[in-house]
Amino acid sequence: MDITVVDVPGRGRFEIRADDRVVGLASYHVDGDVMTLPHTEIDPSMGGQGLGTTLVRELLSAARSRQLHVLPYCSFIRKYLQDHPEDLDLVAEDDRPTFGLSPAVR
């Protein structure tokens, strides 16, 4: 099975595909230098295979390469950021308390 993550800006989402079938998505909206992330979902029949983690990792990598800050309204993305503090810098420090994310260590 070939797993790919693609940005579909016309639909405002990143999709994760298994071969040619969409098996998950993460919706987004970009305004200026901020990417709002309201929702992520994976087909329940594909659960437990790490596809959500792969999708979020690629989404955040794209946000970083585009020099965007993220607003992680999606609970799955917040959990990912808690588990991967190396990506926490994508959330502006002033926004972190809004999402229950730890401020940067000084």
C-alpha atoms as a PDB file:
ATOM      1  CA  MET A   1       0.000   0.000   0.000  1.00  0.00           C
ATOM      2  CA  ASP A   2       1.407   3.383  -1.068  1.00  0.00           C
ATOM      3  CA  ILE A   3       0.664   6.132   1.523  1.00  0.00           C
ATOM      4  CA  THR A   4       0.878   9.773   0.411  1.00  0.00           C
ATOM      5  CA  VAL A   5      -0.128  13.110   1.928  1.00  0.00           C
ATOM      6  CA  VAL A   6      -1.217  15.833  -0.478  1.00  0.00           C
ATOM      7  CA  ASP A   7      -2.352  19.408  -0.046  1.00  0.00           C
ATOM      8  CA  VAL A   8      -5.676  20.111  -1.755  1.00  0.00           C
ATOM      9  CA  PRO A   9      -5.923  23.902  -1.348  1.00  0.00           C
ATOM     10  CA  GLY A  10      -9.111  24.143  -3.396  1.00  0.00           C
ATOM     11  CA  ARG A  11     -10.826  22.039  -0.733  1.00  0.00           C
ATOM     12  CA  GLY A  12      -8.939  23.592   2.191  1.00  0.00           C
ATOM     13  CA  ARG A  13      -7.462  20.339   3.387  1.00  0.00           C
ATOM     14  CA  PHE A  14      -4.582  17.947   3.396  1.00  0.00           C
ATOM     15  CA  GLU A  15      -5.523  14.406   2.439  1.00  0.00           C
ATOM     16  CA  ILE A  16      -3.808  11.163   3.283  1.00  0.00           C
ATOM     17  CA  ARG A  17      -4.255   8.555   0.604  1.00  0.00           C
ATOM     18  CA  ALA A  18      -3.720   4.820   0.536  1.00  0.00           C
ATOM     19  CA  ASP A  19      -2.950   4.128  -3.100  1.00  0.00           C
ATOM     20  CA  ASP A  20      -5.587   6.319  -4.808  1.00  0.00           C
ATOM     21  CA  ARG A  21      -8.174   6.249  -2.009  1.00  0.00           C
ATOM     22  CA  VAL A  22      -8.595   9.161   0.424  1.00  0.00           C
ATOM     23  CA  VAL A  23      -8.479   7.628   3.911  1.00  0.00           C
ATOM     24  CA  GLY A  24      -8.178  10.782   5.998  1.00  0.00           C
ATOM     25  CA  LEU A  25      -8.043  14.548   5.979  1.00  0.00           C
ATOM     26  CA  ALA A  26      -7.055  17.598   7.977  1.00  0.00           C
ATOM     27  CA  SER A  27      -8.976  20.757   7.165  1.00  0.00           C
ATOM     28  CA  TYR A  28      -7.316  24.164   7.310  1.00  0.00           C
ATOM     29  CA  HIS A  29      -7.735  27.830   6.551  1.00  0.00           C
ATOM     30  CA  VAL A  30      -4.852  30.246   5.947  1.00  0.00           C
ATOM     31  CA  ASP A  31      -5.176  33.935   6.727  1.00  0.00           C
ATOM     32  CA  GLY A  32      -1.953  35.897   6.371  1.00  0.00           C
ATOM     33  CA  ASP A  33       0.730  33.969   8.224  1.00  0.00           C
ATOM     34  CA  VAL A  34      -1.672  31.887  10.330  1.00  0.00           C
ATOM     35  CA  MET A  35      -3.030  28.428   9.507  1.00  0.00           C
ATOM     36  CA  THR A  36      -6.165  27.508  11.458  1.00  0.00           C
ATOM     37  CA  LEU A  37      -6.583  23.751  11.970  1.00  0.00           C
ATOM     38  CA  PRO A  38     -10.141  22.894  13.034  1.00  0.00           C
ATOM     39  CA  HIS A  39     -10.547  19.201  12.186  1.00  0.00           C
ATOM     40  CA  THR A  40      -8.726  15.955  11.410  1.00  0.00           C
ATOM     41  CA  GLU A  41     -10.252  12.574  10.643  1.00  0.00           C
ATOM     42  CA  ILE A  42      -9.133   9.125   9.551  1.00  0.00           C
ATOM     43  CA  ASP A  43     -11.383   6.434   8.058  1.00  0.00           C
ATOM     44  CA  PRO A  44     -12.213   4.160  11.023  1.00  0.00           C
ATOM     45  CA  SER A  45     -11.391   1.084   8.935  1.00  0.00           C
ATOM     46  CA  MET A  46      -7.818   2.413   8.657  1.00  0.00           C
ATOM     47  CA  GLY A  47      -7.381   3.289  12.334  1.00  0.00           C
ATOM     48  CA  GLY A  48      -4.432   2.170  14.410  1.00  0.00           C
ATOM     49  CA  GLN A  49      -1.919   2.356  11.567  1.00  0.00           C
ATOM     50  CA  GLY A  50      -0.368   5.718  12.420  1.00  0.00           C
ATOM     51  CA  LEU A  51      -2.029   7.483   9.495  1.00  0.00           C
ATOM     52  CA  GLY A  52      -3.248  10.384  11.651  1.00  0.00           C
ATOM     53  CA  THR A  53       0.262  10.953  12.944  1.00  0.00           C
ATOM     54  CA  THR A  54       1.677  10.838   9.420  1.00  0.00           C
ATOM     55  CA  LEU A  55      -0.961  13.288   8.188  1.00  0.00           C
ATOM     56  CA  VAL A  56      -0.334  15.785  10.991  1.00  0.00           C
ATOM     57  CA  ARG A  57       3.457  15.496  10.692  1.00  0.00           C
ATOM     58  CA  GLU A  58       3.280  16.328   6.966  1.00  0.00           C
ATOM     59  CA  LEU A  59       0.759  19.130   7.526  1.00  0.00           C
ATOM     60  CA  LEU A  60       2.954  20.773  10.155  1.00  0.00           C
ATOM     61  CA  SER A  61       6.017  20.331   7.966  1.00  0.00           C
ATOM     62  CA  ALA A  62       4.193  22.203   5.190  1.00  0.00           C
ATOM     63  CA  ALA A  63       3.185  24.958   7.629  1.00  0.00           C
ATOM     64  CA  ARG A  64       6.821  25.284   8.718  1.00  0.00           C
ATOM     65  CA  SER A  65       8.118  25.459   5.146  1.00  0.00           C
ATOM     66  CA  ARG A  66       5.533  28.177   4.398  1.00  0.00           C
ATOM     67  CA  GLN A  67       6.573  30.028   7.585  1.00  0.00           C
ATOM     68  CA  LEU A  68       3.063  29.859   9.040  1.00  0.00           C
ATOM     69  CA  HIS A  69       1.996  29.745  12.663  1.00  0.00           C
ATOM     70  CA  VAL A  70      -0.780  27.285  13.479  1.00  0.00           C
ATOM     71  CA  LEU A  71      -3.900  27.510  15.610  1.00  0.00           C
ATOM     72  CA  PRO A  72      -4.543  23.884  16.624  1.00  0.00           C
ATOM     73  CA  TYR A  73      -8.282  23.824  17.394  1.00  0.00           C
ATOM     74  CA  CYS A  74      -8.324  20.108  16.539  1.00  0.00           C
ATOM     75  CA  SER A  75      -7.741  17.987  19.654  1.00  0.00           C
ATOM     76  CA  PHE A  76      -5.765  15.386  17.699  1.00  0.00           C
ATOM     77  CA  ILE A  77      -3.327  18.032  16.476  1.00  0.00           C
ATOM     78  CA  ARG A  78      -2.991  19.453  20.015  1.00  0.00           C
ATOM     79  CA  LYS A  79      -2.175  15.946  21.280  1.00  0.00           C
ATOM     80  CA  TYR A  80       0.405  15.537  18.516  1.00  0.00           C
ATOM     81  CA  LEU A  81       2.042  18.827  19.542  1.00  0.00           C
ATOM     82  CA  GLN A  82       2.141  17.720  23.193  1.00  0.00           C
ATOM     83  CA  ASP A  83       3.816  14.470  22.128  1.00  0.00           C
ATOM     84  CA  HIS A  84       6.195  16.235  19.699  1.00  0.00           C
ATOM     85  CA  PRO A  85       7.395  19.391  21.488  1.00  0.00           C
ATOM     86  CA  GLU A  86       9.927  19.997  18.709  1.00  0.00           C
ATOM     87  CA  ASP A  87       6.961  21.307  16.666  1.00  0.00           C
ATOM     88  CA  LEU A  88       5.458  23.447  19.427  1.00  0.00           C
ATOM     89  CA  ASP A  89       7.215  26.520  18.029  1.00  0.00           C
ATOM     90  CA  LEU A  90       4.637  26.492  15.217  1.00  0.00           C
ATOM     91  CA  VAL A  91       2.102  27.764  17.768  1.00  0.00           C
ATOM     92  CA  ALA A  92       2.851  31.363  18.722  1.00  0.00           C
ATOM     93  CA  GLU A  93       3.869  31.512  22.368  1.00  0.00           C
ATOM     94  CA  ASP A  94       1.007  33.895  23.214  1.00  0.00           C
ATOM     95  CA  ASP A  95      -1.492  31.430  21.688  1.00  0.00           C
ATOM     96  CA  ARG A  96      -0.280  28.335  23.560  1.00  0.00           C
ATOM     97  CA  PRO A  97      -2.335  28.873  26.744  1.00  0.00           C
ATOM     98  CA  THR A  98      -5.508  29.130  24.619  1.00  0.00           C
ATOM     99  CA  PHE A  99      -4.894  25.556  23.476  1.00  0.00           C
ATOM    100  CA  GLY A 100      -3.616  24.173  26.775  1.00  0.00           C
ATOM    101  CA  LEU A 101      -0.080  23.918  25.442  1.00  0.00           C
ATOM    102  CA  SER A 102       2.917  24.586  27.609  1.00  0.00           C
ATOM    103  CA  PRO A 103       4.760  27.843  27.120  1.00  0.00           C
ATOM    104  CA  ALA A 104       8.322  27.609  25.850  1.00  0.00           C
ATOM    105  CA  VAL A 105      10.966  26.904  28.460  1.00  0.00           C
ATOM    106  CA  ARG A 106      13.132  29.978  29.053  1.00  0.00           C
END
